[in-house]
């Protein structure tokens, strides 16, 4: 399923980002996606060395169920109205 998220995110970046900022935005997205994954792999490797893997599996299941319960049962705040479109800035040259 991660392929669909990546394709959607990259398409959104390419369509909504000015051409001169595309490289920077792509780099920022890549860091935002890969850094937490890298940290979690390192943290998981360290925890496996200290704790039994069964304890970690139970902890992951509890966190996942808590997140699902929050997302399914939480009250939703009303969505904010979209911001008005900015007016073009006149060229002062």
PDB file of N, CA and C in Angstrom:
ATOM      1  N   UNK A   1       0.796  -1.203   0.000  1.00  0.00           N
ATOM      2  CA  UNK A   1       0.000   0.000   0.000  1.00  0.00           C
ATOM      3  C   UNK A   1       0.838   1.265   0.000  1.00  0.00           C
ATOM      4  N   UNK A   2       2.116   1.159   0.385  1.00  0.00           N
ATOM      5  CA  UNK A   2       2.946   2.358   0.475  1.00  0.00           C
ATOM      6  C   UNK A   2       3.231   2.951  -0.898  1.00  0.00           C
ATOM      7  N   UNK A   3       3.147   2.122  -1.938  1.00  0.00           N
ATOM      8  CA  UNK A   3       3.380   2.623  -3.294  1.00  0.00           C
ATOM      9  C   UNK A   3       2.359   3.700  -3.648  1.00  0.00           C
ATOM     10  N   UNK A   4       1.103   3.472  -3.292  1.00  0.00           N
ATOM     11  CA  UNK A   4       0.053   4.449  -3.603  1.00  0.00           C
ATOM     12  C   UNK A   4       0.290   5.768  -2.875  1.00  0.00           C
ATOM     13  N   UNK A   5       0.753   5.690  -1.638  1.00  0.00           N
ATOM     14  CA  UNK A   5       1.045   6.911  -0.880  1.00  0.00           C
ATOM     15  C   UNK A   5       2.206   7.660  -1.527  1.00  0.00           C
ATOM     16  N   UNK A   6       3.258   6.931  -1.898  1.00  0.00           N
ATOM     17  CA  UNK A   6       4.409   7.573  -2.537  1.00  0.00           C
ATOM     18  C   UNK A   6       4.037   8.215  -3.875  1.00  0.00           C
ATOM     19  N   UNK A   7       3.278   7.516  -4.674  1.00  0.00           N
ATOM     20  CA  UNK A   7       2.875   8.062  -5.971  1.00  0.00           C
ATOM     21  C   UNK A   7       2.017   9.313  -5.766  1.00  0.00           C
ATOM     22  N   UNK A   8       1.080   9.249  -4.839  1.00  0.00           N
ATOM     23  CA  UNK A   8       0.231  10.408  -4.570  1.00  0.00           C
ATOM     24  C   UNK A   8       1.023  11.589  -4.045  1.00  0.00           C
ATOM     25  N   UNK A   9       1.946  11.329  -3.128  1.00  0.00           N
ATOM     26  CA  UNK A   9       2.744  12.418  -2.558  1.00  0.00           C
ATOM     27  C   UNK A   9       3.635  13.054  -3.618  1.00  0.00           C
ATOM     28  N   UNK A  10       4.286  12.239  -4.418  1.00  0.00           N
ATOM     29  CA  UNK A  10       5.167  12.795  -5.447  1.00  0.00           C
ATOM     30  C   UNK A  10       4.383  13.543  -6.518  1.00  0.00           C
ATOM     31  N   UNK A  11       3.215  13.024  -6.868  1.00  0.00           N
ATOM     32  CA  UNK A  11       2.378  13.729  -7.838  1.00  0.00           C
ATOM     33  C   UNK A  11       1.946  15.080  -7.289  1.00  0.00           C
ATOM     34  N   UNK A  12       1.550  15.098  -6.026  1.00  0.00           N
ATOM     35  CA  UNK A  12       1.143  16.354  -5.394  1.00  0.00           C
ATOM     36  C   UNK A  12       2.292  17.352  -5.345  1.00  0.00           C
ATOM     37  N   UNK A  13       3.476  16.874  -4.991  1.00  0.00           N
ATOM     38  CA  UNK A  13       4.647  17.758  -4.954  1.00  0.00           C
ATOM     39  C   UNK A  13       4.922  18.326  -6.336  1.00  0.00           C
ATOM     40  N   UNK A  14       4.882  17.486  -7.347  1.00  0.00           N
ATOM     41  CA  UNK A  14       5.199  17.949  -8.701  1.00  0.00           C
ATOM     42  C   UNK A  14       4.144  18.914  -9.243  1.00  0.00           C
ATOM     43  N   UNK A  15       2.903  18.733  -8.851  1.00  0.00           N
ATOM     44  CA  UNK A  15       1.835  19.585  -9.386  1.00  0.00           C
ATOM     45  C   UNK A  15       1.684  20.895  -8.627  1.00  0.00           C
ATOM     46  N   UNK A  16       2.016  20.899  -7.326  1.00  0.00           N
ATOM     47  CA  UNK A  16       1.759  22.079  -6.498  1.00  0.00           C
ATOM     48  C   UNK A  16       2.993  22.913  -6.176  1.00  0.00           C
ATOM     49  N   UNK A  17       4.161  22.453  -6.574  1.00  0.00           N
ATOM     50  CA  UNK A  17       5.387  23.148  -6.212  1.00  0.00           C
ATOM     51  C   UNK A  17       5.906  23.947  -7.398  1.00  0.00           C
ATOM     52  N   UNK A  18       6.292  25.213  -7.167  1.00  0.00           N
ATOM     53  CA  UNK A  18       6.919  25.969  -8.261  1.00  0.00           C
ATOM     54  C   UNK A  18       8.187  25.265  -8.741  1.00  0.00           C
ATOM     55  N   UNK A  19       8.447  25.360 -10.015  1.00  0.00           N
ATOM     56  CA  UNK A  19       9.553  24.638 -10.641  1.00  0.00           C
ATOM     57  C   UNK A  19      10.885  24.906  -9.951  1.00  0.00           C
ATOM     58  N   UNK A  20      11.127  26.157  -9.549  1.00  0.00           N
ATOM     59  CA  UNK A  20      12.420  26.492  -8.956  1.00  0.00           C
ATOM     60  C   UNK A  20      12.607  25.908  -7.549  1.00  0.00           C
ATOM     61  N   UNK A  21      11.530  25.447  -6.905  1.00  0.00           N
ATOM     62  CA  UNK A  21      11.617  24.865  -5.567  1.00  0.00           C
ATOM     63  C   UNK A  21      11.437  23.348  -5.562  1.00  0.00           C
ATOM     64  N   UNK A  22      11.259  22.763  -6.708  1.00  0.00           N
ATOM     65  CA  UNK A  22      10.925  21.338  -6.789  1.00  0.00           C
ATOM     66  C   UNK A  22      11.978  20.446  -6.140  1.00  0.00           C
ATOM     67  N   UNK A  23      13.232  20.705  -6.374  1.00  0.00           N
ATOM     68  CA  UNK A  23      14.294  19.892  -5.786  1.00  0.00           C
ATOM     69  C   UNK A  23      14.314  19.976  -4.274  1.00  0.00           C
ATOM     70  N   UNK A  24      14.126  21.174  -3.743  1.00  0.00           N
ATOM     71  CA  UNK A  24      14.127  21.352  -2.290  1.00  0.00           C
ATOM     72  C   UNK A  24      12.935  20.676  -1.639  1.00  0.00           C
ATOM     73  N   UNK A  25      11.782  20.806  -2.242  1.00  0.00           N
ATOM     74  CA  UNK A  25      10.582  20.190  -1.678  1.00  0.00           C
ATOM     75  C   UNK A  25      10.680  18.673  -1.748  1.00  0.00           C
ATOM     76  N   UNK A  26      11.190  18.153  -2.848  1.00  0.00           N
ATOM     77  CA  UNK A  26      11.376  16.712  -2.969  1.00  0.00           C
ATOM     78  C   UNK A  26      12.353  16.206  -1.909  1.00  0.00           C
ATOM     79  N   UNK A  27      13.432  16.922  -1.694  1.00  0.00           N
ATOM     80  CA  UNK A  27      14.401  16.530  -0.662  1.00  0.00           C
ATOM     81  C   UNK A  27      13.776  16.570   0.726  1.00  0.00           C
ATOM     82  N   UNK A  28      12.996  17.605   1.008  1.00  0.00           N
ATOM     83  CA  UNK A  28      12.347  17.712   2.319  1.00  0.00           C
ATOM     84  C   UNK A  28      11.360  16.564   2.527  1.00  0.00           C
ATOM     85  N   UNK A  29      10.613  16.209   1.494  1.00  0.00           N
ATOM     86  CA  UNK A  29       9.677  15.088   1.594  1.00  0.00           C
ATOM     87  C   UNK A  29      10.427  13.777   1.822  1.00  0.00           C
ATOM     88  N   UNK A  30      11.513  13.584   1.119  1.00  0.00           N
ATOM     89  CA  UNK A  30      12.302  12.368   1.278  1.00  0.00           C
ATOM     90  C   UNK A  30      12.839  12.255   2.703  1.00  0.00           C
ATOM     91  N   UNK A  31      13.358  13.330   3.241  1.00  0.00           N
ATOM     92  CA  UNK A  31      13.865  13.312   4.619  1.00  0.00           C
ATOM     93  C   UNK A  31      12.723  13.059   5.596  1.00  0.00           C
ATOM     94  N   UNK A  32      11.591  13.710   5.383  1.00  0.00           N
ATOM     95  CA  UNK A  32      10.454  13.544   6.293  1.00  0.00           C
ATOM     96  C   UNK A  32       9.918  12.116   6.290  1.00  0.00           C
ATOM     97  N   UNK A  33      10.066  11.411   5.186  1.00  0.00           N
ATOM     98  CA  UNK A  33       9.567  10.043   5.094  1.00  0.00           C
ATOM     99  C   UNK A  33      10.611   9.037   5.573  1.00  0.00           C
ATOM    100  N   UNK A  34      11.865   9.209   5.194  1.00  0.00           N
ATOM    101  CA  UNK A  34      12.871   8.191   5.492  1.00  0.00           C
ATOM    102  C   UNK A  34      13.515   8.333   6.861  1.00  0.00           C
ATOM    103  N   UNK A  35      13.603   9.522   7.409  1.00  0.00           N
ATOM    104  CA  UNK A  35      14.243   9.701   8.711  1.00  0.00           C
ATOM    105  C   UNK A  35      13.509   8.960   9.826  1.00  0.00           C
ATOM    106  N   UNK A  36      12.188   9.098   9.961  1.00  0.00           N
ATOM    107  CA  UNK A  36      11.514   8.330  11.012  1.00  0.00           C
ATOM    108  C   UNK A  36      11.662   6.819  10.828  1.00  0.00           C
ATOM    109  N   UNK A  37      11.671   6.354   9.592  1.00  0.00           N
ATOM    110  CA  UNK A  37      11.836   4.926   9.344  1.00  0.00           C
ATOM    111  C   UNK A  37      13.224   4.464   9.787  1.00  0.00           C
ATOM    112  N   UNK A  38      14.244   5.235   9.479  1.00  0.00           N
ATOM    113  CA  UNK A  38      15.606   4.885   9.872  1.00  0.00           C
ATOM    114  C   UNK A  38      15.755   4.874  11.387  1.00  0.00           C
ATOM    115  N   UNK A  39      15.194   5.879  12.045  1.00  0.00           N
ATOM    116  CA  UNK A  39      15.256   5.945  13.509  1.00  0.00           C
ATOM    117  C   UNK A  39      14.515   4.767  14.133  1.00  0.00           C
ATOM    118  N   UNK A  40      13.363   4.412  13.585  1.00  0.00           N
ATOM    119  CA  UNK A  40      12.602   3.299  14.159  1.00  0.00           C
ATOM    120  C   UNK A  40      13.328   1.966  13.978  1.00  0.00           C
ATOM    121  N   UNK A  41      14.030   1.787  12.871  1.00  0.00           N
ATOM    122  CA  UNK A  41      14.804   0.561  12.675  1.00  0.00           C
ATOM    123  C   UNK A  41      15.927   0.484  13.704  1.00  0.00           C
ATOM    124  N   UNK A  42      16.626   1.593  13.916  1.00  0.00           N
ATOM    125  CA  UNK A  42      17.704   1.605  14.906  1.00  0.00           C
ATOM    126  C   UNK A  42      17.160   1.382  16.317  1.00  0.00           C
ATOM    127  N   UNK A  43      16.058   2.036  16.640  1.00  0.00           N
ATOM    128  CA  UNK A  43      15.453   1.867  17.960  1.00  0.00           C
ATOM    129  C   UNK A  43      14.969   0.432  18.152  1.00  0.00           C
ATOM    130  N   UNK A  44      14.346  -0.139  17.141  1.00  0.00           N
ATOM    131  CA  UNK A  44      13.875  -1.518  17.226  1.00  0.00           C
ATOM    132  C   UNK A  44      15.016  -2.499  17.404  1.00  0.00           C
ATOM    133  N   UNK A  45      16.120  -2.284  16.702  1.00  0.00           N
ATOM    134  CA  UNK A  45      17.277  -3.170  16.848  1.00  0.00           C
ATOM    135  C   UNK A  45      17.836  -3.081  18.262  1.00  0.00           C
ATOM    136  N   UNK A  46      17.860  -1.881  18.814  1.00  0.00           N
ATOM    137  CA  UNK A  46      18.334  -1.729  20.188  1.00  0.00           C
ATOM    138  C   UNK A  46      17.398  -2.362  21.198  1.00  0.00           C
ATOM    139  N   UNK A  47      16.105  -2.207  20.985  1.00  0.00           N
ATOM    140  CA  UNK A  47      15.133  -2.784  21.919  1.00  0.00           C
ATOM    141  C   UNK A  47      15.134  -4.306  21.876  1.00  0.00           C
ATOM    142  N   UNK A  48      15.327  -4.892  20.697  1.00  0.00           N
ATOM    143  CA  UNK A  48      15.370  -6.350  20.589  1.00  0.00           C
ATOM    144  C   UNK A  48      16.560  -6.906  21.366  1.00  0.00           C
ATOM    145  N   UNK A  49      17.628  -6.145  21.430  1.00  0.00           N
ATOM    146  CA  UNK A  49      18.800  -6.588  22.181  1.00  0.00           C
ATOM    147  C   UNK A  49      18.541  -6.587  23.688  1.00  0.00           C
ATOM    148  N   UNK A  50      17.576  -5.750  24.145  1.00  0.00           N
ATOM    149  CA  UNK A  50      17.311  -5.605  25.576  1.00  0.00           C
ATOM    150  C   UNK A  50      16.064  -6.374  26.012  1.00  0.00           C
ATOM    151  N   UNK A  51      15.022  -6.336  25.193  1.00  0.00           N
ATOM    152  CA  UNK A  51      13.734  -6.941  25.551  1.00  0.00           C
ATOM    153  C   UNK A  51      13.449  -8.168  24.691  1.00  0.00           C
ATOM    154  N   UNK A  52      12.585  -9.001  25.204  1.00  0.00           N
ATOM    155  CA  UNK A  52      12.117 -10.163  24.445  1.00  0.00           C
ATOM    156  C   UNK A  52      11.249  -9.662  23.291  1.00  0.00           C
ATOM    157  N   UNK A  53      11.375 -10.279  22.133  1.00  0.00           N
ATOM    158  CA  UNK A  53      10.617  -9.823  20.964  1.00  0.00           C
ATOM    159  C   UNK A  53       9.118  -9.946  21.178  1.00  0.00           C
ATOM    160  N   UNK A  54       8.676 -10.891  22.022  1.00  0.00           N
ATOM    161  CA  UNK A  54       7.237 -11.043  22.283  1.00  0.00           C
ATOM    162  C   UNK A  54       6.679  -9.809  22.990  1.00  0.00           C
ATOM    163  N   UNK A  55       7.439  -9.253  23.893  1.00  0.00           N
ATOM    164  CA  UNK A  55       7.019  -8.027  24.590  1.00  0.00           C
ATOM    165  C   UNK A  55       6.877  -6.888  23.589  1.00  0.00           C
ATOM    166  N   UNK A  56       7.814  -6.794  22.676  1.00  0.00           N
ATOM    167  CA  UNK A  56       7.752  -5.745  21.664  1.00  0.00           C
ATOM    168  C   UNK A  56       6.556  -5.929  20.734  1.00  0.00           C
ATOM    169  N   UNK A  57       6.249  -7.165  20.369  1.00  0.00           N
ATOM    170  CA  UNK A  57       5.080  -7.413  19.518  1.00  0.00           C
ATOM    171  C   UNK A  57       3.789  -7.020  20.217  1.00  0.00           C
ATOM    172  N   UNK A  58       3.680  -7.327  21.498  1.00  0.00           N
ATOM    173  CA  UNK A  58       2.487  -6.934  22.260  1.00  0.00           C
ATOM    174  C   UNK A  58       2.406  -5.407  22.348  1.00  0.00           C
ATOM    175  N   UNK A  59       3.529  -4.757  22.608  1.00  0.00           N
ATOM    176  CA  UNK A  59       3.531  -3.287  22.681  1.00  0.00           C
ATOM    177  C   UNK A  59       3.117  -2.671  21.354  1.00  0.00           C
ATOM    178  N   UNK A  60       3.615  -3.215  20.242  1.00  0.00           N
ATOM    179  CA  UNK A  60       3.226  -2.696  18.920  1.00  0.00           C
ATOM    180  C   UNK A  60       1.737  -2.899  18.670  1.00  0.00           C
ATOM    181  N   UNK A  61       1.210  -4.041  19.066  1.00  0.00           N
ATOM    182  CA  UNK A  61      -0.219  -4.300  18.880  1.00  0.00           C
ATOM    183  C   UNK A  61      -1.057  -3.332  19.703  1.00  0.00           C
ATOM    184  N   UNK A  62      -0.648  -3.057  20.937  1.00  0.00           N
ATOM    185  CA  UNK A  62      -1.393  -2.135  21.796  1.00  0.00           C
ATOM    186  C   UNK A  62      -1.375  -0.727  21.209  1.00  0.00           C
ATOM    187  N   UNK A  63      -0.211  -0.270  20.754  1.00  0.00           N
ATOM    188  CA  UNK A  63      -0.116   1.075  20.165  1.00  0.00           C
ATOM    189  C   UNK A  63      -0.949   1.171  18.891  1.00  0.00           C
ATOM    190  N   UNK A  64      -0.909   0.128  18.066  1.00  0.00           N
ATOM    191  CA  UNK A  64      -1.692   0.131  16.829  1.00  0.00           C
ATOM    192  C   UNK A  64      -3.181   0.156  17.114  1.00  0.00           C
ATOM    193  N   UNK A  65      -3.631  -0.642  18.060  1.00  0.00           N
ATOM    194  CA  UNK A  65      -5.054  -0.642  18.428  1.00  0.00           C
ATOM    195  C   UNK A  65      -5.472   0.688  19.036  1.00  0.00           C
ATOM    196  N   UNK A  66      -4.621   1.288  19.849  1.00  0.00           N
ATOM    197  CA  UNK A  66      -4.943   2.602  20.427  1.00  0.00           C
ATOM    198  C   UNK A  66      -5.063   3.662  19.336  1.00  0.00           C
ATOM    199  N   UNK A  67      -4.162   3.627  18.364  1.00  0.00           N
ATOM    200  CA  UNK A  67      -4.231   4.586  17.262  1.00  0.00           C
ATOM    201  C   UNK A  67      -5.491   4.377  16.431  1.00  0.00           C
ATOM    202  N   UNK A  68      -5.836   3.115  16.170  1.00  0.00           N
ATOM    203  CA  UNK A  68      -7.053   2.826  15.402  1.00  0.00           C
ATOM    204  C   UNK A  68      -8.293   3.281  16.157  1.00  0.00           C
ATOM    205  N   UNK A  69      -8.324   3.051  17.465  1.00  0.00           N
ATOM    206  CA  UNK A  69      -9.475   3.485  18.267  1.00  0.00           C
ATOM    207  C   UNK A  69      -9.589   5.000  18.263  1.00  0.00           C
ATOM    208  N   UNK A  70      -8.471   5.673  18.355  1.00  0.00           N
ATOM    209  CA  UNK A  70      -8.491   7.135  18.317  1.00  0.00           C
ATOM    210  C   UNK A  70      -9.014   7.648  16.976  1.00  0.00           C
ATOM    211  N   UNK A  71      -8.520   7.065  15.896  1.00  0.00           N
ATOM    212  CA  UNK A  71      -8.929   7.526  14.568  1.00  0.00           C
ATOM    213  C   UNK A  71     -10.388   7.189  14.263  1.00  0.00           C
ATOM    214  N   UNK A  72     -10.865   6.060  14.737  1.00  0.00           N
ATOM    215  CA  UNK A  72     -12.237   5.657  14.457  1.00  0.00           C
ATOM    216  C   UNK A  72     -13.258   6.310  15.387  1.00  0.00           C
ATOM    217  N   UNK A  73     -12.870   6.564  16.619  1.00  0.00           N
ATOM    218  CA  UNK A  73     -13.846   7.028  17.587  1.00  0.00           C
ATOM    219  C   UNK A  73     -13.718   8.460  18.030  1.00  0.00           C
ATOM    220  N   UNK A  74     -12.662   9.136  17.639  1.00  0.00           N
ATOM    221  CA  UNK A  74     -12.445  10.503  18.104  1.00  0.00           C
ATOM    222  C   UNK A  74     -13.437  11.473  17.497  1.00  0.00           C
ATOM    223  N   UNK A  75     -13.699  12.542  18.231  1.00  0.00           N
ATOM    224  CA  UNK A  75     -14.582  13.578  17.691  1.00  0.00           C
ATOM    225  C   UNK A  75     -13.808  14.370  16.653  1.00  0.00           C
ATOM    226  N   UNK A  76     -14.484  14.737  15.636  1.00  0.00           N
ATOM    227  CA  UNK A  76     -13.855  15.465  14.540  1.00  0.00           C
ATOM    228  C   UNK A  76     -14.167  16.945  14.685  1.00  0.00           C
ATOM    229  N   UNK A  77     -13.129  17.752  14.558  1.00  0.00           N
ATOM    230  CA  UNK A  77     -13.357  19.188  14.568  1.00  0.00           C
ATOM    231  C   UNK A  77     -13.790  19.605  13.163  1.00  0.00           C
ATOM    232  N   UNK A  78     -14.599  20.653  13.074  1.00  0.00           N
ATOM    233  CA  UNK A  78     -15.029  21.078  11.735  1.00  0.00           C
ATOM    234  C   UNK A  78     -13.825  21.546  10.927  1.00  0.00           C
ATOM    235  N   UNK A  79     -13.888  21.276   9.642  1.00  0.00           N
ATOM    236  CA  UNK A  79     -12.777  21.671   8.785  1.00  0.00           C
ATOM    237  C   UNK A  79     -12.799  23.180   8.580  1.00  0.00           C
ATOM    238  N   UNK A  80     -11.623  23.742   8.545  1.00  0.00           N
ATOM    239  CA  UNK A  80     -11.499  25.177   8.323  1.00  0.00           C
ATOM    240  C   UNK A  80     -11.862  25.501   6.875  1.00  0.00           C
ATOM    241  N   UNK A  81     -12.375  26.692   6.685  1.00  0.00           N
ATOM    242  CA  UNK A  81     -12.693  27.146   5.334  1.00  0.00           C
ATOM    243  C   UNK A  81     -11.400  27.338   4.556  1.00  0.00           C
ATOM    244  N   UNK A  82     -11.408  27.071   3.269  1.00  0.00           N
ATOM    245  CA  UNK A  82     -10.177  27.251   2.494  1.00  0.00           C
ATOM    246  C   UNK A  82      -9.764  28.718   2.479  1.00  0.00           C
ATOM    247  N   UNK A  83      -8.470  28.930   2.468  1.00  0.00           N
ATOM    248  CA  UNK A  83      -7.942  30.291   2.437  1.00  0.00           C
ATOM    249  C   UNK A  83      -8.246  30.919   1.083  1.00  0.00           C
ATOM    250  N   UNK A  84      -8.548  32.216   1.074  1.00  0.00           N
ATOM    251  CA  UNK A  84      -8.806  32.863  -0.221  1.00  0.00           C
ATOM    252  C   UNK A  84      -7.531  32.908  -1.045  1.00  0.00           C
ATOM    253  N   UNK A  85      -7.705  32.892  -2.342  1.00  0.00           N
ATOM    254  CA  UNK A  85      -6.562  32.931  -3.248  1.00  0.00           C
ATOM    255  C   UNK A  85      -5.848  34.271  -3.117  1.00  0.00           C
ATOM    256  N   UNK A  86      -4.540  34.225  -3.117  1.00  0.00           N
ATOM    257  CA  UNK A  86      -3.745  35.445  -3.017  1.00  0.00           C
ATOM    258  C   UNK A  86      -3.817  36.212  -4.329  1.00  0.00           C
ATOM    259  N   UNK A  87      -3.849  37.518  -4.203  1.00  0.00           N
ATOM    260  CA  UNK A  87      -3.872  38.365  -5.394  1.00  0.00           C
ATOM    261  C   UNK A  87      -2.458  38.479  -5.928  1.00  0.00           C
ATOM    262  N   UNK A  88      -2.292  38.558  -7.233  1.00  0.00           N
ATOM    263  CA  UNK A  88      -0.944  38.677  -7.793  1.00  0.00           C
ATOM    264  C   UNK A  88      -0.301  39.998  -7.357  1.00  0.00           C
ATOM    265  N   UNK A  89       0.985  39.932  -7.111  1.00  0.00           N
ATOM    266  CA  UNK A  89       1.732  41.127  -6.714  1.00  0.00           C
ATOM    267  C   UNK A  89       2.156  41.850  -7.983  1.00  0.00           C
ATOM    268  N   UNK A  90       1.878  43.175  -8.041  1.00  0.00           N
ATOM    269  CA  UNK A  90       2.263  43.901  -9.261  1.00  0.00           C
ATOM    270  C   UNK A  90       3.774  43.979  -9.399  1.00  0.00           C
ATOM    271  N   UNK A  91       4.233  43.948 -10.626  1.00  0.00           N
ATOM    272  CA  UNK A  91       5.665  44.049 -10.912  1.00  0.00           C
ATOM    273  C   UNK A  91       6.077  45.500 -10.767  1.00  0.00           C
ATOM    274  N   UNK A  92       7.062  45.787  -9.895  1.00  0.00           N
ATOM    275  CA  UNK A  92       7.473  47.155  -9.618  1.00  0.00           C
ATOM    276  C   UNK A  92       8.646  47.605 -10.477  1.00  0.00           C
ATOM    277  N   UNK A  93       9.074  46.781 -11.408  1.00  0.00           N
ATOM    278  CA  UNK A  93      10.220  47.163 -12.262  1.00  0.00           C
ATOM    279  C   UNK A  93       9.823  48.111 -13.327  1.00  0.00           C
TER     280      UNK A  93
END
